Amino acid sequence: MKTLILLCVVGAAFAQYEAGFVKILQDKRYQDGGTFGNFRDQEDGIKYFEETDAHGIRRGYWEYPSDGQVLRTEFEAGPGIGFRITNSNHHAATPVAQPQPQFQPIPAPAPTPLPARPVHNLIPAFRIPTTTPHPGPQNLFDYPGNLEFSRSSQGHRFKFTAA
């Protein structure tokens, strides 16, 4: 029994303490046509930025403080390139392999399609269920901030800044 109590005391002494939630100082997001981007800045020094172009290629960075030094990693990812580190002050960049010539088969002739026959689908009758919405929380933020939002025919812009 004494051993169990001693182990509980030692376990409580070495338990890690978590300070709680980290305040988000800034959060920006936008969509403009085929491009999308976001940026987040937290009070603990962590920053994240990402932007996706119309071809689906993502480029961005993340940075965080460690032992008094800010560590930053820049990356790109997407179809045909996978994920790679392009620049970093604590990791080596991902080597880029040279593309090898690939076998190109001769395409087979396309078969002649048959004429389409009409398909008649019956739409089943159903009832739309009625629901009663539940009231949500009254205060969604723990600290004051400014929220900006705008829309256009091509997308939107969103910005949150802690006050």
C-alpha atoms as a PDB file:
ATOM      1  CA  MET A   1       0.000   0.000   0.000  1.00  0.00           C
ATOM      2  CA  LYS A   2       2.880   2.364   0.813  1.00  0.00           C
ATOM      3  CA  THR A   3       4.382   1.628  -2.595  1.00  0.00           C
ATOM      4  CA  LEU A   4       1.111   2.491  -4.337  1.00  0.00           C
ATOM      5  CA  ILE A   5       0.845   5.800  -2.480  1.00  0.00           C
ATOM      6  CA  LEU A   6       4.502   6.574  -3.255  1.00  0.00           C
ATOM      7  CA  LEU A   7       3.946   5.836  -6.969  1.00  0.00           C
ATOM      8  CA  CYS A   8       0.860   8.095  -7.013  1.00  0.00           C
ATOM      9  CA  VAL A   9       2.821  10.945  -5.415  1.00  0.00           C
ATOM     10  CA  VAL A  10       5.728  10.518  -7.866  1.00  0.00           C
ATOM     11  CA  GLY A  11       3.311  10.334 -10.819  1.00  0.00           C
ATOM     12  CA  ALA A  12       1.554  13.523  -9.725  1.00  0.00           C
ATOM     13  CA  ALA A  13       4.913  15.279  -9.299  1.00  0.00           C
ATOM     14  CA  PHE A  14       6.030  14.412 -12.846  1.00  0.00           C
ATOM     15  CA  ALA A  15       2.686  15.092 -14.514  1.00  0.00           C
ATOM     16  CA  GLN A  16       2.899  17.626 -17.328  1.00  0.00           C
ATOM     17  CA  TYR A  17       0.969  20.831 -16.949  1.00  0.00           C
ATOM     18  CA  GLU A  18      -0.991  22.234 -19.876  1.00  0.00           C
ATOM     19  CA  ALA A  19      -1.688  25.952 -19.702  1.00  0.00           C
ATOM     20  CA  GLY A  20      -5.023  25.577 -21.494  1.00  0.00           C
ATOM     21  CA  PHE A  21      -6.138  27.044 -24.772  1.00  0.00           C
ATOM     22  CA  VAL A  22      -3.801  29.110 -26.931  1.00  0.00           C
ATOM     23  CA  LYS A  23      -5.140  32.466 -28.061  1.00  0.00           C
ATOM     24  CA  ILE A  24      -5.374  32.941 -31.828  1.00  0.00           C
ATOM     25  CA  LEU A  25      -4.092  36.429 -32.584  1.00  0.00           C
ATOM     26  CA  GLN A  26      -5.001  36.421 -36.270  1.00  0.00           C
ATOM     27  CA  ASP A  27      -6.832  34.108 -38.678  1.00  0.00           C
ATOM     28  CA  LYS A  28      -7.230  35.056 -42.356  1.00  0.00           C
ATOM     29  CA  ARG A  29      -8.826  33.017 -45.140  1.00  0.00           C
ATOM     30  CA  TYR A  30      -9.788  33.787 -48.696  1.00  0.00           C
ATOM     31  CA  GLN A  31     -11.021  32.190 -51.880  1.00  0.00           C
ATOM     32  CA  ASP A  32     -10.638  34.065 -55.137  1.00  0.00           C
ATOM     33  CA  GLY A  33     -11.708  32.043 -58.167  1.00  0.00           C
ATOM     34  CA  GLY A  34      -9.506  28.947 -58.223  1.00  0.00           C
ATOM     35  CA  THR A  35      -7.110  30.080 -55.491  1.00  0.00           C
ATOM     36  CA  PHE A  36      -7.495  29.609 -51.751  1.00  0.00           C
ATOM     37  CA  GLY A  37      -5.327  30.721 -48.870  1.00  0.00           C
ATOM     38  CA  ASN A  38      -5.205  30.882 -45.095  1.00  0.00           C
ATOM     39  CA  PHE A  39      -2.941  32.282 -42.386  1.00  0.00           C
ATOM     40  CA  ARG A  40      -2.966  31.740 -38.625  1.00  0.00           C
ATOM     41  CA  ASP A  41      -0.891  33.452 -35.924  1.00  0.00           C
ATOM     42  CA  GLN A  42      -1.062  32.267 -32.294  1.00  0.00           C
ATOM     43  CA  GLU A  43       0.122  33.851 -29.048  1.00  0.00           C
ATOM     44  CA  ASP A  44       2.622  31.029 -28.476  1.00  0.00           C
ATOM     45  CA  GLY A  45       4.556  32.057 -31.626  1.00  0.00           C
ATOM     46  CA  ILE A  46       3.228  29.371 -33.970  1.00  0.00           C
ATOM     47  CA  LYS A  47       2.376  30.634 -37.469  1.00  0.00           C
ATOM     48  CA  TYR A  48       0.948  28.776 -40.448  1.00  0.00           C
ATOM     49  CA  PHE A  49       0.367  29.950 -44.021  1.00  0.00           C
ATOM     50  CA  GLU A  50      -0.924  27.989 -47.003  1.00  0.00           C
ATOM     51  CA  GLU A  51      -2.048  28.994 -50.487  1.00  0.00           C
ATOM     52  CA  THR A  52      -3.518  26.739 -53.178  1.00  0.00           C
ATOM     53  CA  ASP A  53      -3.444  27.833 -56.816  1.00  0.00           C
ATOM     54  CA  ALA A  54      -5.897  26.997 -59.607  1.00  0.00           C
ATOM     55  CA  HIS A  55      -3.848  23.880 -60.537  1.00  0.00           C
ATOM     56  CA  GLY A  56      -4.173  22.389 -57.039  1.00  0.00           C
ATOM     57  CA  ILE A  57      -0.568  23.118 -55.998  1.00  0.00           C
ATOM     58  CA  ARG A  58      -0.261  24.128 -52.331  1.00  0.00           C
ATOM     59  CA  ARG A  59       2.585  26.300 -51.128  1.00  0.00           C
ATOM     60  CA  GLY A  60       3.138  27.595 -47.644  1.00  0.00           C
ATOM     61  CA  TYR A  61       5.089  27.483 -44.421  1.00  0.00           C
ATOM     62  CA  TRP A  62       4.823  26.819 -40.720  1.00  0.00           C
ATOM     63  CA  GLU A  63       7.031  28.230 -38.011  1.00  0.00           C
ATOM     64  CA  TYR A  64       7.322  27.789 -34.273  1.00  0.00           C
ATOM     65  CA  PRO A  65       9.705  28.814 -31.498  1.00  0.00           C
ATOM     66  CA  SER A  66      12.005  26.184 -30.012  1.00  0.00           C
ATOM     67  CA  ASP A  67      14.714  26.918 -27.428  1.00  0.00           C
ATOM     68  CA  GLY A  68      14.744  30.645 -28.260  1.00  0.00           C
ATOM     69  CA  GLN A  69      15.018  30.105 -32.026  1.00  0.00           C
ATOM     70  CA  VAL A  70      12.196  30.336 -34.585  1.00  0.00           C
ATOM     71  CA  LEU A  71      12.133  27.196 -36.737  1.00  0.00           C
ATOM     72  CA  ARG A  72      10.558  27.674 -40.183  1.00  0.00           C
ATOM     73  CA  THR A  73       9.699  25.122 -42.860  1.00  0.00           C
ATOM     74  CA  GLU A  74       8.447  26.039 -46.343  1.00  0.00           C
ATOM     75  CA  PHE A  75       6.695  23.419 -48.442  1.00  0.00           C
ATOM     76  CA  GLU A  76       4.818  22.672 -51.639  1.00  0.00           C
ATOM     77  CA  ALA A  77       2.473  19.814 -52.396  1.00  0.00           C
ATOM     78  CA  GLY A  78       0.122  18.733 -55.115  1.00  0.00           C
ATOM     79  CA  PRO A  79      -0.554  16.495 -58.087  1.00  0.00           C
ATOM     80  CA  GLY A  80       2.642  15.233 -59.696  1.00  0.00           C
ATOM     81  CA  ILE A  81       4.954  16.494 -56.933  1.00  0.00           C
ATOM     82  CA  GLY A  82       3.605  14.901 -53.757  1.00  0.00           C
ATOM     83  CA  PHE A  83       4.796  16.747 -50.629  1.00  0.00           C
ATOM     84  CA  ARG A  84       8.235  18.291 -50.394  1.00  0.00           C
ATOM     85  CA  ILE A  85      10.107  20.731 -48.213  1.00  0.00           C
ATOM     86  CA  THR A  86      11.445  23.567 -50.369  1.00  0.00           C
ATOM     87  CA  ASN A  87      13.280  25.548 -47.679  1.00  0.00           C
ATOM     88  CA  SER A  88      13.920  25.147 -43.962  1.00  0.00           C
ATOM     89  CA  ASN A  89      16.300  26.378 -41.296  1.00  0.00           C
ATOM     90  CA  HIS A  90      16.289  23.008 -39.502  1.00  0.00           C
ATOM     91  CA  HIS A  91      15.491  20.347 -42.174  1.00  0.00           C
ATOM     92  CA  ALA A  92      17.195  19.565 -45.461  1.00  0.00           C
ATOM     93  CA  ALA A  93      15.130  20.361 -48.545  1.00  0.00           C
ATOM     94  CA  THR A  94      13.482  17.404 -50.251  1.00  0.00           C
ATOM     95  CA  PRO A  95      15.592  16.312 -53.252  1.00  0.00           C
ATOM     96  CA  VAL A  96      13.762  16.533 -56.563  1.00  0.00           C
ATOM     97  CA  ALA A  97      14.142  13.429 -58.740  1.00  0.00           C
ATOM     98  CA  GLN A  98      14.608  13.921 -62.467  1.00  0.00           C
ATOM     99  CA  PRO A  99      11.700  12.463 -64.445  1.00  0.00           C
ATOM    100  CA  GLN A 100      12.477   9.248 -66.311  1.00  0.00           C
ATOM    101  CA  PRO A 101      11.149   8.563 -69.811  1.00  0.00           C
ATOM    102  CA  GLN A 102       7.955   6.550 -69.605  1.00  0.00           C
ATOM    103  CA  PHE A 103       6.551   3.947 -71.978  1.00  0.00           C
ATOM    104  CA  GLN A 104       3.753   5.444 -74.075  1.00  0.00           C
ATOM    105  CA  PRO A 105       1.359   2.728 -75.310  1.00  0.00           C
ATOM    106  CA  ILE A 106      -0.531   3.206 -78.570  1.00  0.00           C
ATOM    107  CA  PRO A 107      -4.171   3.835 -77.716  1.00  0.00           C
ATOM    108  CA  ALA A 108      -6.684   1.222 -78.884  1.00  0.00           C
ATOM    109  CA  PRO A 109      -9.422   2.417 -81.237  1.00  0.00           C
ATOM    110  CA  ALA A 110     -12.540   3.531 -79.392  1.00  0.00           C
ATOM    111  CA  PRO A 111     -15.598   1.267 -79.787  1.00  0.00           C
ATOM    112  CA  THR A 112     -18.632   2.664 -81.570  1.00  0.00           C
ATOM    113  CA  PRO A 113     -21.337   3.439 -78.994  1.00  0.00           C
ATOM    114  CA  LEU A 114     -24.871   2.104 -79.388  1.00  0.00           C
ATOM    115  CA  PRO A 115     -27.702   4.622 -79.596  1.00  0.00           C
ATOM    116  CA  ALA A 116     -29.077   5.472 -76.157  1.00  0.00           C
ATOM    117  CA  ARG A 117     -32.531   4.250 -75.205  1.00  0.00           C
ATOM    118  CA  PRO A 118     -34.723   6.486 -73.065  1.00  0.00           C
ATOM    119  CA  VAL A 119     -34.876   5.677 -69.353  1.00  0.00           C
ATOM    120  CA  HIS A 120     -37.983   6.545 -67.355  1.00  0.00           C
ATOM    121  CA  ASN A 121     -37.345   7.110 -63.636  1.00  0.00           C
ATOM    122  CA  LEU A 122     -40.216   7.503 -61.224  1.00  0.00           C
ATOM    123  CA  ILE A 123     -39.710  10.007 -58.418  1.00  0.00           C
ATOM    124  CA  PRO A 124     -40.878   8.538 -55.095  1.00  0.00           C
ATOM    125  CA  ALA A 125     -43.042  10.690 -52.857  1.00  0.00           C
ATOM    126  CA  PHE A 126     -41.588  11.353 -49.405  1.00  0.00           C
ATOM    127  CA  ARG A 127     -42.106  13.650 -46.460  1.00  0.00           C
ATOM    128  CA  ILE A 128     -39.568  16.144 -45.277  1.00  0.00           C
ATOM    129  CA  PRO A 129     -39.041  15.524 -41.562  1.00  0.00           C
ATOM    130  CA  THR A 130     -39.576  18.466 -39.265  1.00  0.00           C
ATOM    131  CA  THR A 131     -36.928  19.218 -36.678  1.00  0.00           C
ATOM    132  CA  THR A 132     -36.719  21.554 -33.739  1.00  0.00           C
ATOM    133  CA  PRO A 133     -33.390  23.395 -33.568  1.00  0.00           C
ATOM    134  CA  HIS A 134     -31.611  23.355 -30.229  1.00  0.00           C
ATOM    135  CA  PRO A 135     -30.221  26.637 -28.908  1.00  0.00           C
ATOM    136  CA  GLY A 136     -26.446  26.855 -29.211  1.00  0.00           C
ATOM    137  CA  PRO A 137     -23.933  28.401 -26.856  1.00  0.00           C
ATOM    138  CA  GLN A 138     -24.346  32.134 -26.357  1.00  0.00           C
ATOM    139  CA  ASN A 139     -20.665  33.082 -26.273  1.00  0.00           C
ATOM    140  CA  LEU A 140     -18.442  31.374 -28.834  1.00  0.00           C
ATOM    141  CA  PHE A 141     -15.256  33.311 -28.044  1.00  0.00           C
ATOM    142  CA  ASP A 142     -13.246  33.473 -24.838  1.00  0.00           C
ATOM    143  CA  TYR A 143     -11.706  36.827 -25.698  1.00  0.00           C
ATOM    144  CA  PRO A 144     -12.784  39.883 -27.726  1.00  0.00           C
ATOM    145  CA  GLY A 145     -11.845  40.234 -31.369  1.00  0.00           C
ATOM    146  CA  ASN A 146     -12.695  41.838 -34.699  1.00  0.00           C
ATOM    147  CA  LEU A 147     -14.304  39.814 -37.467  1.00  0.00           C
ATOM    148  CA  GLU A 148     -14.373  40.954 -41.095  1.00  0.00           C
ATOM    149  CA  PHE A 149     -16.097  39.073 -43.907  1.00  0.00           C
ATOM    150  CA  SER A 150     -16.736  40.005 -47.529  1.00  0.00           C
ATOM    151  CA  ARG A 151     -18.086  38.078 -50.509  1.00  0.00           C
ATOM    152  CA  SER A 152     -17.711  38.536 -54.243  1.00  0.00           C
ATOM    153  CA  SER A 153     -18.783  36.633 -57.333  1.00  0.00           C
ATOM    154  CA  GLN A 154     -15.374  34.901 -57.330  1.00  0.00           C
ATOM    155  CA  GLY A 155     -15.122  33.970 -53.646  1.00  0.00           C
ATOM    156  CA  HIS A 156     -14.787  35.426 -50.157  1.00  0.00           C
ATOM    157  CA  ARG A 157     -12.396  37.023 -47.656  1.00  0.00           C
ATOM    158  CA  PHE A 158     -12.421  36.347 -43.913  1.00  0.00           C
ATOM    159  CA  LYS A 159     -10.240  37.944 -41.247  1.00  0.00           C
ATOM    160  CA  PHE A 160     -10.270  37.552 -37.468  1.00  0.00           C
ATOM    161  CA  THR A 161      -7.990  39.673 -35.305  1.00  0.00           C
ATOM    162  CA  ALA A 162      -7.803  39.383 -31.523  1.00  0.00           C
ATOM    163  CA  ALA A 163      -8.399  42.683 -29.757  1.00  0.00           C
END
